[in-house]
C-alpha atoms as a PDB file:
ATOM      1  CA  MET A   1     112.977  91.842 112.178  1.00  0.00           C
ATOM      2  CA  LEU A   2     110.146  93.995 113.582  1.00  0.00           C
ATOM      3  CA  SER A   3     109.780  97.330 111.550  1.00  0.00           C
ATOM      4  CA  LYS A   4     109.354 100.535 113.488  1.00  0.00           C
ATOM      5  CA  ARG A   5     105.798 100.587 114.890  1.00  0.00           C
ATOM      6  CA  ALA A   6     103.505 103.435 114.440  1.00  0.00           C
ATOM      7  CA  TYR A   7     102.762 105.995 117.222  1.00  0.00           C
ATOM      8  CA  ASN A   8      99.155 104.831 117.446  1.00  0.00           C
ATOM      9  CA  PHE A   9      96.615 107.151 118.824  1.00  0.00           C
ATOM     10  CA  ASN A  10      93.637 105.648 117.287  1.00  0.00           C
ATOM     11  CA  ALA A  11      90.353 106.038 119.135  1.00  0.00           C
ATOM     12  CA  GLY A  12      89.202 102.412 118.604  1.00  0.00           C
ATOM     13  CA  PRO A  13      90.142  99.840 117.381  1.00  0.00           C
ATOM     14  CA  ALA A  14      93.211 101.016 119.261  1.00  0.00           C
ATOM     15  CA  ALA A  15      96.747  99.932 120.234  1.00  0.00           C
ATOM     16  CA  LEU A  16      97.361  96.657 121.716  1.00  0.00           C
ATOM     17  CA  PRO A  17     100.311  95.705 123.922  1.00  0.00           C
ATOM     18  CA  LEU A  18     103.195  94.605 122.041  1.00  0.00           C
ATOM     19  CA  LYS A  19     104.007  91.855 124.353  1.00  0.00           C
ATOM     20  CA  VAL A  20     100.465  90.452 123.864  1.00  0.00           C
ATOM     21  CA  LEU A  21     100.844  90.577 119.997  1.00  0.00           C
ATOM     22  CA  GLU A  22     104.310  88.809 120.138  1.00  0.00           C
ATOM     23  CA  ARG A  23     102.816  86.114 122.415  1.00  0.00           C
ATOM     24  CA  VAL A  24      99.865  85.649 120.379  1.00  0.00           C
ATOM     25  CA  GLN A  25     101.943  85.468 117.240  1.00  0.00           C
ATOM     26  CA  ALA A  26     104.109  82.768 118.819  1.00  0.00           C
ATOM     27  CA  GLU A  27     101.137  80.477 119.295  1.00  0.00           C
ATOM     28  CA  PHE A  28      98.953  81.713 116.491  1.00  0.00           C
ATOM     29  CA  VAL A  29      99.501  78.525 114.264  1.00  0.00           C
ATOM     30  CA  ASP A  30      99.806  75.942 117.071  1.00  0.00           C
ATOM     31  CA  PHE A  31      98.138  76.799 120.300  1.00  0.00           C
ATOM     32  CA  GLN A  32      99.573  74.870 123.392  1.00  0.00           C
ATOM     33  CA  GLY A  33     100.728  71.910 121.150  1.00  0.00           C
ATOM     34  CA  THR A  34      97.302  71.056 119.759  1.00  0.00           C
ATOM     35  CA  GLY A  35      98.435  71.555 116.116  1.00  0.00           C
ATOM     36  CA  MET A  36      95.648  74.059 115.685  1.00  0.00           C
ATOM     37  CA  SER A  37      94.972  77.785 116.150  1.00  0.00           C
ATOM     38  CA  ILE A  38      92.548  78.810 118.808  1.00  0.00           C
ATOM     39  CA  MET A  39      90.531  80.076 116.048  1.00  0.00           C
ATOM     40  CA  GLU A  40      90.086  76.594 114.598  1.00  0.00           C
ATOM     41  CA  MET A  41      88.810  75.012 117.711  1.00  0.00           C
ATOM     42  CA  SER A  42      85.332  74.093 118.631  1.00  0.00           C
ATOM     43  CA  HIS A  43      84.002  76.416 121.158  1.00  0.00           C
ATOM     44  CA  ARG A  44      82.503  73.246 122.988  1.00  0.00           C
ATOM     45  CA  GLY A  45      86.117  71.770 123.365  1.00  0.00           C
ATOM     46  CA  ALA A  46      87.845  71.582 126.617  1.00  0.00           C
ATOM     47  CA  VAL A  47      90.993  73.609 125.356  1.00  0.00           C
ATOM     48  CA  TYR A  48      88.918  76.494 124.315  1.00  0.00           C
ATOM     49  CA  GLU A  49      86.559  76.389 127.321  1.00  0.00           C
ATOM     50  CA  SER A  50      89.583  76.461 129.634  1.00  0.00           C
ATOM     51  CA  VAL A  51      90.729  79.812 127.853  1.00  0.00           C
ATOM     52  CA  HIS A  52      87.169  81.097 127.993  1.00  0.00           C
ATOM     53  CA  ASN A  53      86.718  80.335 131.883  1.00  0.00           C
ATOM     54  CA  GLU A  54      90.288  81.572 132.659  1.00  0.00           C
ATOM     55  CA  ALA A  55      89.430  84.991 130.960  1.00  0.00           C
ATOM     56  CA  GLN A  56      86.299  85.252 133.306  1.00  0.00           C
ATOM     57  CA  GLU A  57      88.083  84.507 136.354  1.00  0.00           C
ATOM     58  CA  ARG A  58      91.145  86.679 135.633  1.00  0.00           C
ATOM     59  CA  LEU A  59      88.767  89.752 134.927  1.00  0.00           C
ATOM     60  CA  LEU A  60      86.913  89.206 138.249  1.00  0.00           C
ATOM     61  CA  SER A  61      90.207  88.850 140.043  1.00  0.00           C
ATOM     62  CA  LEU A  62      91.388  92.163 138.741  1.00  0.00           C
ATOM     63  CA  LEU A  63      88.099  93.630 140.252  1.00  0.00           C
ATOM     64  CA  GLY A  64      88.888  91.911 143.770  1.00  0.00           C
ATOM     65  CA  ASN A  65      86.703  88.801 143.060  1.00  0.00           C
ATOM     66  CA  PRO A  66      83.403  90.535 144.066  1.00  0.00           C
ATOM     67  CA  GLN A  67      80.741  88.051 145.455  1.00  0.00           C
ATOM     68  CA  GLY A  68      77.723  87.792 143.405  1.00  0.00           C
ATOM     69  CA  TYR A  69      78.906  89.105 140.133  1.00  0.00           C
ATOM     70  CA  ARG A  70      79.220  87.311 136.670  1.00  0.00           C
ATOM     71  CA  VAL A  71      81.130  88.149 133.499  1.00  0.00           C
ATOM     72  CA  LEU A  72      79.422  87.672 130.230  1.00  0.00           C
ATOM     73  CA  PHE A  73      81.026  87.751 126.779  1.00  0.00           C
ATOM     74  CA  LEU A  74      78.661  89.154 124.161  1.00  0.00           C
ATOM     75  CA  GLN A  75      78.804  90.552 120.500  1.00  0.00           C
ATOM     76  CA  GLY A  76      77.465  93.834 118.929  1.00  0.00           C
ATOM     77  CA  GLY A  77      79.590  96.209 120.729  1.00  0.00           C
ATOM     78  CA  ALA A  78      78.229  98.870 123.180  1.00  0.00           C
ATOM     79  CA  SER A  79      75.607  99.813 120.421  1.00  0.00           C
ATOM     80  CA  THR A  80      73.907  96.444 121.029  1.00  0.00           C
ATOM     81  CA  GLN A  81      73.917  96.918 124.891  1.00  0.00           C
ATOM     82  CA  PHE A  82      72.027 100.271 124.262  1.00  0.00           C
ATOM     83  CA  ALA A  83      69.133  98.195 123.282  1.00  0.00           C
ATOM     84  CA  MET A  84      69.641  95.161 125.474  1.00  0.00           C
ATOM     85  CA  LEU A  85      69.396  97.366 128.632  1.00  0.00           C
ATOM     86  CA  PRO A  86      65.834  98.535 128.051  1.00  0.00           C
ATOM     87  CA  LEU A  87      64.538  95.339 126.702  1.00  0.00           C
ATOM     88  CA  ASN A  88      65.737  93.397 129.714  1.00  0.00           C
ATOM     89  CA  PHE A  89      65.166  95.993 132.502  1.00  0.00           C
ATOM     90  CA  LEU A  90      62.328  98.135 131.505  1.00  0.00           C
ATOM     91  CA  GLY A  91      59.288  96.558 133.114  1.00  0.00           C
ATOM     92  CA  GLU A  92      55.663  97.865 132.602  1.00  0.00           C
ATOM     93  CA  GLY A  93      55.277 101.418 133.789  1.00  0.00           C
ATOM     94  CA  GLN A  94      59.094 101.760 134.390  1.00  0.00           C
ATOM     95  CA  ILE A  95      61.471 104.299 133.180  1.00  0.00           C
ATOM     96  CA  GLY A  96      65.304 104.469 132.359  1.00  0.00           C
ATOM     97  CA  SER A  97      67.086 107.421 133.628  1.00  0.00           C
ATOM     98  CA  TYR A  98      70.093 108.667 131.721  1.00  0.00           C
ATOM     99  CA  VAL A  99      72.882 111.028 132.467  1.00  0.00           C
ATOM    100  CA  MET A 100      73.667 112.973 129.306  1.00  0.00           C
ATOM    101  CA  THR A 101      77.390 113.716 128.954  1.00  0.00           C
ATOM    102  CA  GLY A 102      78.099 113.625 125.057  1.00  0.00           C
ATOM    103  CA  SER A 103      77.761 111.587 121.887  1.00  0.00           C
ATOM    104  CA  TRP A 104      77.704 108.114 123.374  1.00  0.00           C
ATOM    105  CA  SER A 105      75.187 108.695 126.338  1.00  0.00           C
ATOM    106  CA  ASP A 106      73.114 110.357 123.689  1.00  0.00           C
ATOM    107  CA  LYS A 107      72.975 107.292 121.519  1.00  0.00           C
ATOM    108  CA  ALA A 108      72.121 105.142 124.527  1.00  0.00           C
ATOM    109  CA  TYR A 109      69.232 107.383 125.421  1.00  0.00           C
ATOM    110  CA  LYS A 110      67.817 107.587 121.989  1.00  0.00           C
ATOM    111  CA  GLU A 111      67.912 103.699 121.636  1.00  0.00           C
ATOM    112  CA  ALA A 112      66.138 103.462 125.014  1.00  0.00           C
ATOM    113  CA  LYS A 113      63.281 105.879 123.976  1.00  0.00           C
ATOM    114  CA  LEU A 114      62.700 103.672 120.998  1.00  0.00           C
ATOM    115  CA  LEU A 115      61.980 100.649 123.178  1.00  0.00           C
ATOM    116  CA  GLY A 116      60.406 102.276 126.309  1.00  0.00           C
ATOM    117  CA  LYS A 117      60.445 105.335 128.581  1.00  0.00           C
ATOM    118  CA  ALA A 118      63.450 107.110 129.113  1.00  0.00           C
ATOM    119  CA  HIS A 119      64.202 110.299 131.302  1.00  0.00           C
ATOM    120  CA  ILE A 120      67.177 112.610 131.285  1.00  0.00           C
ATOM    121  CA  ALA A 121      68.375 112.707 134.944  1.00  0.00           C
ATOM    122  CA  ALA A 122      71.248 115.239 134.365  1.00  0.00           C
ATOM    123  CA  SER A 123      72.731 116.700 131.476  1.00  0.00           C
ATOM    124  CA  SER A 124      75.486 119.197 130.320  1.00  0.00           C
ATOM    125  CA  ALA A 125      74.203 119.767 126.965  1.00  0.00           C
ATOM    126  CA  ASP A 126      74.075 123.472 127.625  1.00  0.00           C
ATOM    127  CA  GLU A 127      77.933 123.464 127.994  1.00  0.00           C
ATOM    128  CA  LYS A 128      78.098 121.583 124.682  1.00  0.00           C
ATOM    129  CA  PHE A 129      79.322 118.510 126.766  1.00  0.00           C
ATOM    130  CA  MET A 130      82.577 120.246 127.587  1.00  0.00           C
ATOM    131  CA  ARG A 131      82.130 119.685 131.239  1.00  0.00           C
ATOM    132  CA  LEU A 132      80.159 116.996 133.286  1.00  0.00           C
ATOM    133  CA  PRO A 133      76.949 117.488 135.047  1.00  0.00           C
ATOM    134  CA  ASN A 134      76.558 117.437 138.796  1.00  0.00           C
ATOM    135  CA  VAL A 135      75.440 113.964 139.758  1.00  0.00           C
ATOM    136  CA  ASP A 136      75.321 114.280 143.392  1.00  0.00           C
ATOM    137  CA  SER A 137      71.502 114.986 143.251  1.00  0.00           C
ATOM    138  CA  LEU A 138      69.997 113.232 140.098  1.00  0.00           C
ATOM    139  CA  ASP A 139      66.505 113.850 139.115  1.00  0.00           C
ATOM    140  CA  LEU A 140      65.061 110.387 139.351  1.00  0.00           C
ATOM    141  CA  PRO A 141      61.272 109.515 138.856  1.00  0.00           C
ATOM    142  CA  GLU A 142      59.940 107.069 141.541  1.00  0.00           C
ATOM    143  CA  ASN A 143      59.516 104.378 138.840  1.00  0.00           C
ATOM    144  CA  THR A 144      63.036 104.532 137.629  1.00  0.00           C
ATOM    145  CA  ALA A 145      64.356 100.882 136.799  1.00  0.00           C
ATOM    146  CA  TYR A 146      68.007 101.764 136.306  1.00  0.00           C
ATOM    147  CA  VAL A 147      70.391 104.824 136.083  1.00  0.00           C
ATOM    148  CA  HIS A 148      72.691 104.813 132.970  1.00  0.00           C
ATOM    149  CA  MET A 149      75.853 106.745 132.718  1.00  0.00           C
ATOM    150  CA  THR A 150      78.743 106.813 130.230  1.00  0.00           C
ATOM    151  CA  SER A 151      82.036 106.838 132.244  1.00  0.00           C
ATOM    152  CA  ASN A 152      84.309 108.315 129.497  1.00  0.00           C
ATOM    153  CA  GLU A 153      83.070 110.168 126.398  1.00  0.00           C
ATOM    154  CA  THR A 154      85.757 109.427 123.708  1.00  0.00           C
ATOM    155  CA  ILE A 155      84.537 112.147 121.288  1.00  0.00           C
ATOM    156  CA  GLU A 156      84.396 115.209 123.821  1.00  0.00           C
ATOM    157  CA  GLY A 157      87.144 113.893 126.018  1.00  0.00           C
ATOM    158  CA  THR A 158      85.334 113.924 129.392  1.00  0.00           C
ATOM    159  CA  GLN A 159      85.638 111.225 132.218  1.00  0.00           C
ATOM    160  CA  PHE A 160      83.891 110.855 135.511  1.00  0.00           C
ATOM    161  CA  LYS A 161      86.246 110.496 138.555  1.00  0.00           C
ATOM    162  CA  GLN A 162      83.597 109.078 140.797  1.00  0.00           C
ATOM    163  CA  PHE A 163      80.099 107.841 140.627  1.00  0.00           C
ATOM    164  CA  PRO A 164      76.751 108.554 142.545  1.00  0.00           C
ATOM    165  CA  ASP A 165      74.974 106.438 145.083  1.00  0.00           C
ATOM    166  CA  THR A 166      71.817 105.512 143.383  1.00  0.00           C
ATOM    167  CA  GLY A 167      70.522 103.490 146.418  1.00  0.00           C
ATOM    168  CA  SER A 168      68.275 100.578 145.348  1.00  0.00           C
ATOM    169  CA  VAL A 169      68.204 101.836 141.858  1.00  0.00           C
ATOM    170  CA  PRO A 170      70.887  99.767 139.776  1.00  0.00           C
ATOM    171  CA  LEU A 171      73.590 102.059 138.463  1.00  0.00           C
ATOM    172  CA  ILE A 172      74.516 100.825 134.778  1.00  0.00           C
ATOM    173  CA  VAL A 173      77.770 102.185 133.335  1.00  0.00           C
ATOM    174  CA  ASP A 174      79.160 102.072 129.716  1.00  0.00           C
ATOM    175  CA  MET A 175      82.743 101.754 130.252  1.00  0.00           C
ATOM    176  CA  SER A 176      83.828 101.008 126.805  1.00  0.00           C
ATOM    177  CA  SER A 177      86.650 103.569 126.660  1.00  0.00           C
ATOM    178  CA  ASP A 178      88.147 103.558 130.082  1.00  0.00           C
ATOM    179  CA  ILE A 179      87.494 100.102 131.682  1.00  0.00           C
ATOM    180  CA  PHE A 180      90.670  99.002 133.649  1.00  0.00           C
ATOM    181  CA  CYS A 181      92.500 102.243 133.175  1.00  0.00           C
ATOM    182  CA  LYS A 182      92.453 102.491 137.029  1.00  0.00           C
ATOM    183  CA  PRO A 183      91.064 100.632 140.041  1.00  0.00           C
ATOM    184  CA  PHE A 184      87.440 100.927 140.818  1.00  0.00           C
ATOM    185  CA  ASP A 185      84.816  99.352 143.202  1.00  0.00           C
ATOM    186  CA  VAL A 186      82.609  97.319 140.987  1.00  0.00           C
ATOM    187  CA  THR A 187      80.063  96.669 143.714  1.00  0.00           C
ATOM    188  CA  GLN A 188      79.017 100.345 143.073  1.00  0.00           C
ATOM    189  CA  PHE A 189      77.363  99.151 139.915  1.00  0.00           C
ATOM    190  CA  GLY A 190      74.597  96.852 139.023  1.00  0.00           C
ATOM    191  CA  LEU A 191      76.125  96.404 135.650  1.00  0.00           C
ATOM    192  CA  ILE A 192      78.915  97.586 133.486  1.00  0.00           C
ATOM    193  CA  TYR A 193      79.775  96.813 129.912  1.00  0.00           C
ATOM    194  CA  ALA A 194      82.522  97.638 127.441  1.00  0.00           C
ATOM    195  CA  GLY A 195      83.401  97.037 123.856  1.00  0.00           C
ATOM    196  CA  ALA A 196      86.819  95.401 124.012  1.00  0.00           C
ATOM    197  CA  GLN A 197      88.662  97.327 121.328  1.00  0.00           C
ATOM    198  CA  LYS A 198      90.044 100.177 123.266  1.00  0.00           C
ATOM    199  CA  ASN A 199      91.352  98.767 126.535  1.00  0.00           C
ATOM    200  CA  LEU A 200      90.649  94.988 126.654  1.00  0.00           C
ATOM    201  CA  GLY A 201      91.587  93.461 123.289  1.00  0.00           C
ATOM    202  CA  PRO A 202      90.414  93.634 119.588  1.00  0.00           C
ATOM    203  CA  SER A 203      86.997  94.385 118.343  1.00  0.00           C
ATOM    204  CA  GLY A 204      84.396  91.559 118.255  1.00  0.00           C
ATOM    205  CA  VAL A 205      83.610  91.010 121.850  1.00  0.00           C
ATOM    206  CA  THR A 206      81.718  92.956 124.529  1.00  0.00           C
ATOM    207  CA  VAL A 207      82.368  92.365 128.170  1.00  0.00           C
ATOM    208  CA  VAL A 208      79.523  92.530 130.737  1.00  0.00           C
ATOM    209  CA  VAL A 209      80.000  92.421 134.459  1.00  0.00           C
ATOM    210  CA  ALA A 210      76.960  92.351 136.428  1.00  0.00           C
ATOM    211  CA  ARG A 211      75.103  91.186 139.631  1.00  0.00           C
ATOM    212  CA  GLU A 212      73.650  87.721 139.305  1.00  0.00           C
ATOM    213  CA  GLU A 213      70.289  88.881 140.037  1.00  0.00           C
ATOM    214  CA  LEU A 214      70.114  91.189 137.212  1.00  0.00           C
ATOM    215  CA  LEU A 215      71.109  88.772 134.677  1.00  0.00           C
ATOM    216  CA  ALA A 216      69.170  85.710 135.814  1.00  0.00           C
ATOM    217  CA  SER A 217      65.635  86.586 134.694  1.00  0.00           C
ATOM    218  CA  SER A 218      64.902  88.419 131.391  1.00  0.00           C
ATOM    219  CA  PRO A 219      61.501  88.766 129.705  1.00  0.00           C
ATOM    220  CA  GLY A 220      60.448  85.640 127.641  1.00  0.00           C
ATOM    221  CA  ASN A 221      59.003  87.912 124.912  1.00  0.00           C
ATOM    222  CA  ILE A 222      62.365  89.269 123.573  1.00  0.00           C
ATOM    223  CA  PRO A 223      64.705  87.448 121.213  1.00  0.00           C
ATOM    224  CA  THR A 224      66.631  84.768 122.673  1.00  0.00           C
ATOM    225  CA  MET A 225      70.031  86.389 121.867  1.00  0.00           C
ATOM    226  CA  LEU A 226      69.104  89.711 123.360  1.00  0.00           C
ATOM    227  CA  ARG A 227      68.338  88.119 126.777  1.00  0.00           C
ATOM    228  CA  TYR A 228      71.003  88.437 129.332  1.00  0.00           C
ATOM    229  CA  SER A 229      69.716  85.210 131.008  1.00  0.00           C
ATOM    230  CA  THR A 230      70.665  83.326 127.736  1.00  0.00           C
ATOM    231  CA  TYR A 231      74.210  84.142 128.345  1.00  0.00           C
ATOM    232  CA  GLU A 232      74.222  83.736 132.074  1.00  0.00           C
ATOM    233  CA  LYS A 233      72.607  80.451 131.900  1.00  0.00           C
ATOM    234  CA  ASN A 234      74.989  79.049 129.114  1.00  0.00           C
ATOM    235  CA  ASN A 235      78.360  80.551 130.455  1.00  0.00           C
ATOM    236  CA  SER A 236      78.202  82.737 127.192  1.00  0.00           C
ATOM    237  CA  LEU A 237      78.302  79.629 125.169  1.00  0.00           C
ATOM    238  CA  TYR A 238      74.778  79.496 123.905  1.00  0.00           C
ATOM    239  CA  ASN A 239      76.002  80.059 120.355  1.00  0.00           C
ATOM    240  CA  THR A 240      79.564  80.305 118.941  1.00  0.00           C
ATOM    241  CA  PRO A 241      81.167  83.091 120.895  1.00  0.00           C
ATOM    242  CA  PRO A 242      83.831  85.231 119.261  1.00  0.00           C
ATOM    243  CA  SER A 243      86.493  82.958 120.553  1.00  0.00           C
ATOM    244  CA  PHE A 244      89.858  84.671 119.178  1.00  0.00           C
ATOM    245  CA  ALA A 245      88.647  87.915 120.668  1.00  0.00           C
ATOM    246  CA  ILE A 246      88.021  86.338 123.977  1.00  0.00           C
ATOM    247  CA  TYR A 247      91.413  84.519 123.957  1.00  0.00           C
ATOM    248  CA  MET A 248      92.975  87.995 123.318  1.00  0.00           C
ATOM    249  CA  VAL A 249      91.129  89.687 126.149  1.00  0.00           C
ATOM    250  CA  ASN A 250      92.613  87.013 128.359  1.00  0.00           C
ATOM    251  CA  GLU A 251      96.059  87.900 127.006  1.00  0.00           C
ATOM    252  CA  VAL A 252      95.593  91.401 127.525  1.00  0.00           C
ATOM    253  CA  LEU A 253      94.316  90.831 131.203  1.00  0.00           C
ATOM    254  CA  LYS A 254      97.530  88.782 131.701  1.00  0.00           C
ATOM    255  CA  TRP A 255      99.516  91.752 130.672  1.00  0.00           C
ATOM    256  CA  ILE A 256      97.576  93.992 133.055  1.00  0.00           C
ATOM    257  CA  GLN A 257      98.554  91.714 135.866  1.00  0.00           C
ATOM    258  CA  GLU A 258     102.162  91.827 134.863  1.00  0.00           C
ATOM    259  CA  GLU A 259     102.180  95.625 134.628  1.00  0.00           C
ATOM    260  CA  GLY A 260     101.252  95.733 138.340  1.00  0.00           C
ATOM    261  CA  GLY A 261      97.567  95.351 138.015  1.00  0.00           C
ATOM    262  CA  LEU A 262      95.091  98.264 137.848  1.00  0.00           C
ATOM    263  CA  GLU A 263      97.244 100.472 140.220  1.00  0.00           C
ATOM    264  CA  GLY A 264     100.196  99.894 137.990  1.00  0.00           C
ATOM    265  CA  ILE A 265      98.192 100.735 134.898  1.00  0.00           C
ATOM    266  CA  GLU A 266      96.852 104.015 136.504  1.00  0.00           C
ATOM    267  CA  ARG A 267     100.242 105.314 137.449  1.00  0.00           C
ATOM    268  CA  VAL A 268     101.444 105.165 133.879  1.00  0.00           C
ATOM    269  CA  ASN A 269      98.228 106.405 132.467  1.00  0.00           C
ATOM    270  CA  GLN A 270      98.331 109.415 134.584  1.00  0.00           C
ATOM    271  CA  GLN A 271     101.692 110.160 133.568  1.00  0.00           C
ATOM    272  CA  LYS A 272     100.766 109.966 129.918  1.00  0.00           C
ATOM    273  CA  ALA A 273      97.799 112.387 130.387  1.00  0.00           C
ATOM    274  CA  ASP A 274      99.778 114.872 132.596  1.00  0.00           C
ATOM    275  CA  LEU A 275     102.492 114.933 130.013  1.00  0.00           C
ATOM    276  CA  LEU A 276     100.095 115.961 127.165  1.00  0.00           C
ATOM    277  CA  TYR A 277      97.884 118.274 129.308  1.00  0.00           C
ATOM    278  CA  ASP A 278     100.904 120.036 130.561  1.00  0.00           C
ATOM    279  CA  ARG A 279     102.004 120.705 126.871  1.00  0.00           C
ATOM    280  CA  ILE A 280      98.593 122.126 126.316  1.00  0.00           C
ATOM    281  CA  ASP A 281      98.364 124.306 129.454  1.00  0.00           C
ATOM    282  CA  ARG A 282     102.093 125.648 129.121  1.00  0.00           C
ATOM    283  CA  SER A 283     101.665 126.746 125.446  1.00  0.00           C
ATOM    284  CA  GLU A 284     100.427 130.134 126.147  1.00  0.00           C
ATOM    285  CA  GLY A 285      97.226 129.473 124.208  1.00  0.00           C
ATOM    286  CA  PHE A 286      98.691 127.851 121.148  1.00  0.00           C
ATOM    287  CA  TYR A 287      96.948 124.597 122.097  1.00  0.00           C
ATOM    288  CA  ARG A 288      93.663 124.939 123.840  1.00  0.00           C
ATOM    289  CA  GLY A 289      92.214 122.140 125.698  1.00  0.00           C
ATOM    290  CA  CYS A 290      88.547 121.564 124.897  1.00  0.00           C
ATOM    291  CA  VAL A 291      87.228 120.167 128.377  1.00  0.00           C
ATOM    292  CA  ASP A 292      86.879 121.806 131.637  1.00  0.00           C
ATOM    293  CA  SER A 293      90.057 120.920 133.476  1.00  0.00           C
ATOM    294  CA  ALA A 294      88.291 119.054 136.430  1.00  0.00           C
ATOM    295  CA  ASP A 295      86.493 116.718 133.935  1.00  0.00           C
ATOM    296  CA  ARG A 296      89.445 115.822 131.623  1.00  0.00           C
ATOM    297  CA  SER A 297      89.866 112.323 130.377  1.00  0.00           C
ATOM    298  CA  ILE A 298      93.067 110.304 130.993  1.00  0.00           C
ATOM    299  CA  MET A 299      92.148 108.336 128.033  1.00  0.00           C
ATOM    300  CA  ASN A 300      91.140 110.815 125.295  1.00  0.00           C
ATOM    301  CA  VAL A 301      93.081 114.066 125.175  1.00  0.00           C
ATOM    302  CA  THR A 302      91.135 116.688 123.213  1.00  0.00           C
ATOM    303  CA  PHE A 303      92.601 119.957 122.063  1.00  0.00           C
ATOM    304  CA  ARG A 304      92.296 122.782 119.446  1.00  0.00           C
ATOM    305  CA  LEU A 305      94.548 125.149 117.706  1.00  0.00           C
ATOM    306  CA  ALA A 306      93.827 128.956 116.513  1.00  0.00           C
ATOM    307  CA  ASN A 307      91.952 127.745 113.288  1.00  0.00           C
ATOM    308  CA  GLU A 308      91.120 124.688 111.292  1.00  0.00           C
ATOM    309  CA  ASP A 309      93.818 125.380 108.685  1.00  0.00           C
ATOM    310  CA  LEU A 310      96.497 125.104 111.425  1.00  0.00           C
ATOM    311  CA  GLU A 311      94.841 121.939 112.672  1.00  0.00           C
ATOM    312  CA  LYS A 312      94.971 120.410 109.017  1.00  0.00           C
ATOM    313  CA  GLN A 313      98.627 121.338 109.009  1.00  0.00           C
ATOM    314  CA  PHE A 314      99.157 119.716 112.416  1.00  0.00           C
ATOM    315  CA  ILE A 315      97.505 116.534 111.159  1.00  0.00           C
ATOM    316  CA  LYS A 316      99.534 116.309 107.983  1.00  0.00           C
ATOM    317  CA  GLU A 317     102.907 116.974 109.765  1.00  0.00           C
ATOM    318  CA  SER A 318     102.095 114.521 112.387  1.00  0.00           C
ATOM    319  CA  GLU A 319     101.221 111.835 109.968  1.00  0.00           C
ATOM    320  CA  GLN A 320     104.401 112.372 108.066  1.00  0.00           C
ATOM    321  CA  ALA A 321     106.185 112.065 111.388  1.00  0.00           C
ATOM    322  CA  GLY A 322     104.597 108.636 112.142  1.00  0.00           C
ATOM    323  CA  PHE A 323     101.708 109.691 114.319  1.00  0.00           C
ATOM    324  CA  ILE A 324      98.410 107.955 113.557  1.00  0.00           C
ATOM    325  CA  GLY A 325      94.840 108.905 114.629  1.00  0.00           C
ATOM    326  CA  LEU A 326      95.304 112.409 115.958  1.00  0.00           C
ATOM    327  CA  LYS A 327      92.421 113.854 113.941  1.00  0.00           C
ATOM    328  CA  GLY A 328      89.365 114.703 116.131  1.00  0.00           C
ATOM    329  CA  HIS A 329      85.947 113.063 115.656  1.00  0.00           C
ATOM    330  CA  ARG A 330      84.119 114.427 112.482  1.00  0.00           C
ATOM    331  CA  SER A 331      81.155 115.587 114.588  1.00  0.00           C
ATOM    332  CA  VAL A 332      83.382 117.996 116.735  1.00  0.00           C
ATOM    333  CA  GLY A 333      86.643 118.531 114.779  1.00  0.00           C
ATOM    334  CA  GLY A 334      89.927 119.503 116.542  1.00  0.00           C
ATOM    335  CA  LEU A 335      92.400 117.186 117.610  1.00  0.00           C
ATOM    336  CA  ARG A 336      92.425 114.140 119.737  1.00  0.00           C
ATOM    337  CA  ALA A 337      95.089 111.896 121.246  1.00  0.00           C
ATOM    338  CA  SER A 338      93.625 108.541 122.467  1.00  0.00           C
ATOM    339  CA  ILE A 339      96.145 107.202 125.115  1.00  0.00           C
ATOM    340  CA  TYR A 340      94.564 103.861 126.066  1.00  0.00           C
ATOM    341  CA  ASN A 341      96.301 101.403 128.364  1.00  0.00           C
ATOM    342  CA  ALA A 342      98.438  99.852 125.636  1.00  0.00           C
ATOM    343  CA  VAL A 343      99.731 103.154 124.404  1.00  0.00           C
ATOM    344  CA  PRO A 344     103.355 103.269 125.649  1.00  0.00           C
ATOM    345  CA  LEU A 345     104.580 106.272 127.758  1.00  0.00           C
ATOM    346  CA  GLU A 346     107.355 106.695 124.935  1.00  0.00           C
ATOM    347  CA  ASN A 347     104.652 107.422 122.320  1.00  0.00           C
ATOM    348  CA  CYS A 348     103.341 110.236 124.414  1.00  0.00           C
ATOM    349  CA  GLN A 349     106.783 111.565 125.112  1.00  0.00           C
ATOM    350  CA  ALA A 350     107.297 111.605 121.341  1.00  0.00           C
ATOM    351  CA  LEU A 351     104.002 113.413 120.695  1.00  0.00           C
ATOM    352  CA  ALA A 352     104.784 116.074 123.326  1.00  0.00           C
ATOM    353  CA  GLU A 353     108.171 116.658 121.711  1.00  0.00           C
ATOM    354  CA  PHE A 354     106.331 116.944 118.351  1.00  0.00           C
ATOM    355  CA  MET A 355     103.929 119.404 119.846  1.00  0.00           C
ATOM    356  CA  ASP A 356     106.803 121.513 121.165  1.00  0.00           C
ATOM    357  CA  GLY A 357     108.475 121.702 117.681  1.00  0.00           C
ATOM    358  CA  PHE A 358     105.080 122.489 115.839  1.00  0.00           C
ATOM    359  CA  LYS A 359     104.521 125.354 118.184  1.00  0.00           C
ATOM    360  CA  GLN A 360     108.052 126.602 117.565  1.00  0.00           C
ATOM    361  CA  ARG A 361     107.612 126.457 113.811  1.00  0.00           C
ATOM    362  CA  ASN A 362     104.141 128.185 113.887  1.00  0.00           C
ATOM    363  CA  SER A 363     104.190 130.681 116.663  1.00  0.00           C
END
């Protein structure tokens, strides 16, 4: 019998849908009557390749089957993408323009500076990244090769609700922490990328969705495994892919479809976020939201208490009550509830009740 599951609010690797875990468990040892686990199969075999291709097709179908876009499966997380982007797209005399919104966009910018020229097109550093900068009129040099943004900053707890029109300059977005939390028009973007371990599956695979023309030609003087064209030309099967993680992504995508697609997922996500932000806003200052209300994330709810001692007490008591992962990132402190797609509404209801009780005991 399944023991009681933890209230998992980890920032990543994060919660996976229970239905997916149970399905995977059922076919873990014997996948589709083959007498093998999917992890034991050759990535060149027909059984695995069918799963691989199905995951790509399912992902694009959730995006409305946009014409001219390809799905790639890579390794190395978003952090490797920080380097691959300038390596592949910064030609001679070109510059990468970055929107600075917090810890992850800063990492992407610094990596680009190691490999070429990088420019800050907009920033909210002067506000300690507790709000998002205005991106309606970006400061873009004429030789800008691409614009890079981070859609959701997990550490600070901000999220873009819409994106700028960058015209002929490709817009590239790190969606690691909020991909598929709601519907969006992928044709706004030249390329999006996401580490799977928050909304798409387990750690180990990074998903890239991009216009074919951006992927087709990469400089010949960079390592083979860092060229997008290597993956595009070989259907992400140039070398052994993270096959189990890709299989899991396909199962999570099935679950998203079963939950009503991206529209259905968004409805529940908004309910979860509203529930927790309401507790914060109605606490008469006992809980204080970190981020400007207009820029709050529906994936990472960040908040503070009156002092660090009280925050430590909150963490201690919440862990004793079965809540996991509520401590804020070490770089900013405070508290954070990561409520990705697979976190059930019931978990957020339980957290809201715990917050009420903690307030009553400590006011």
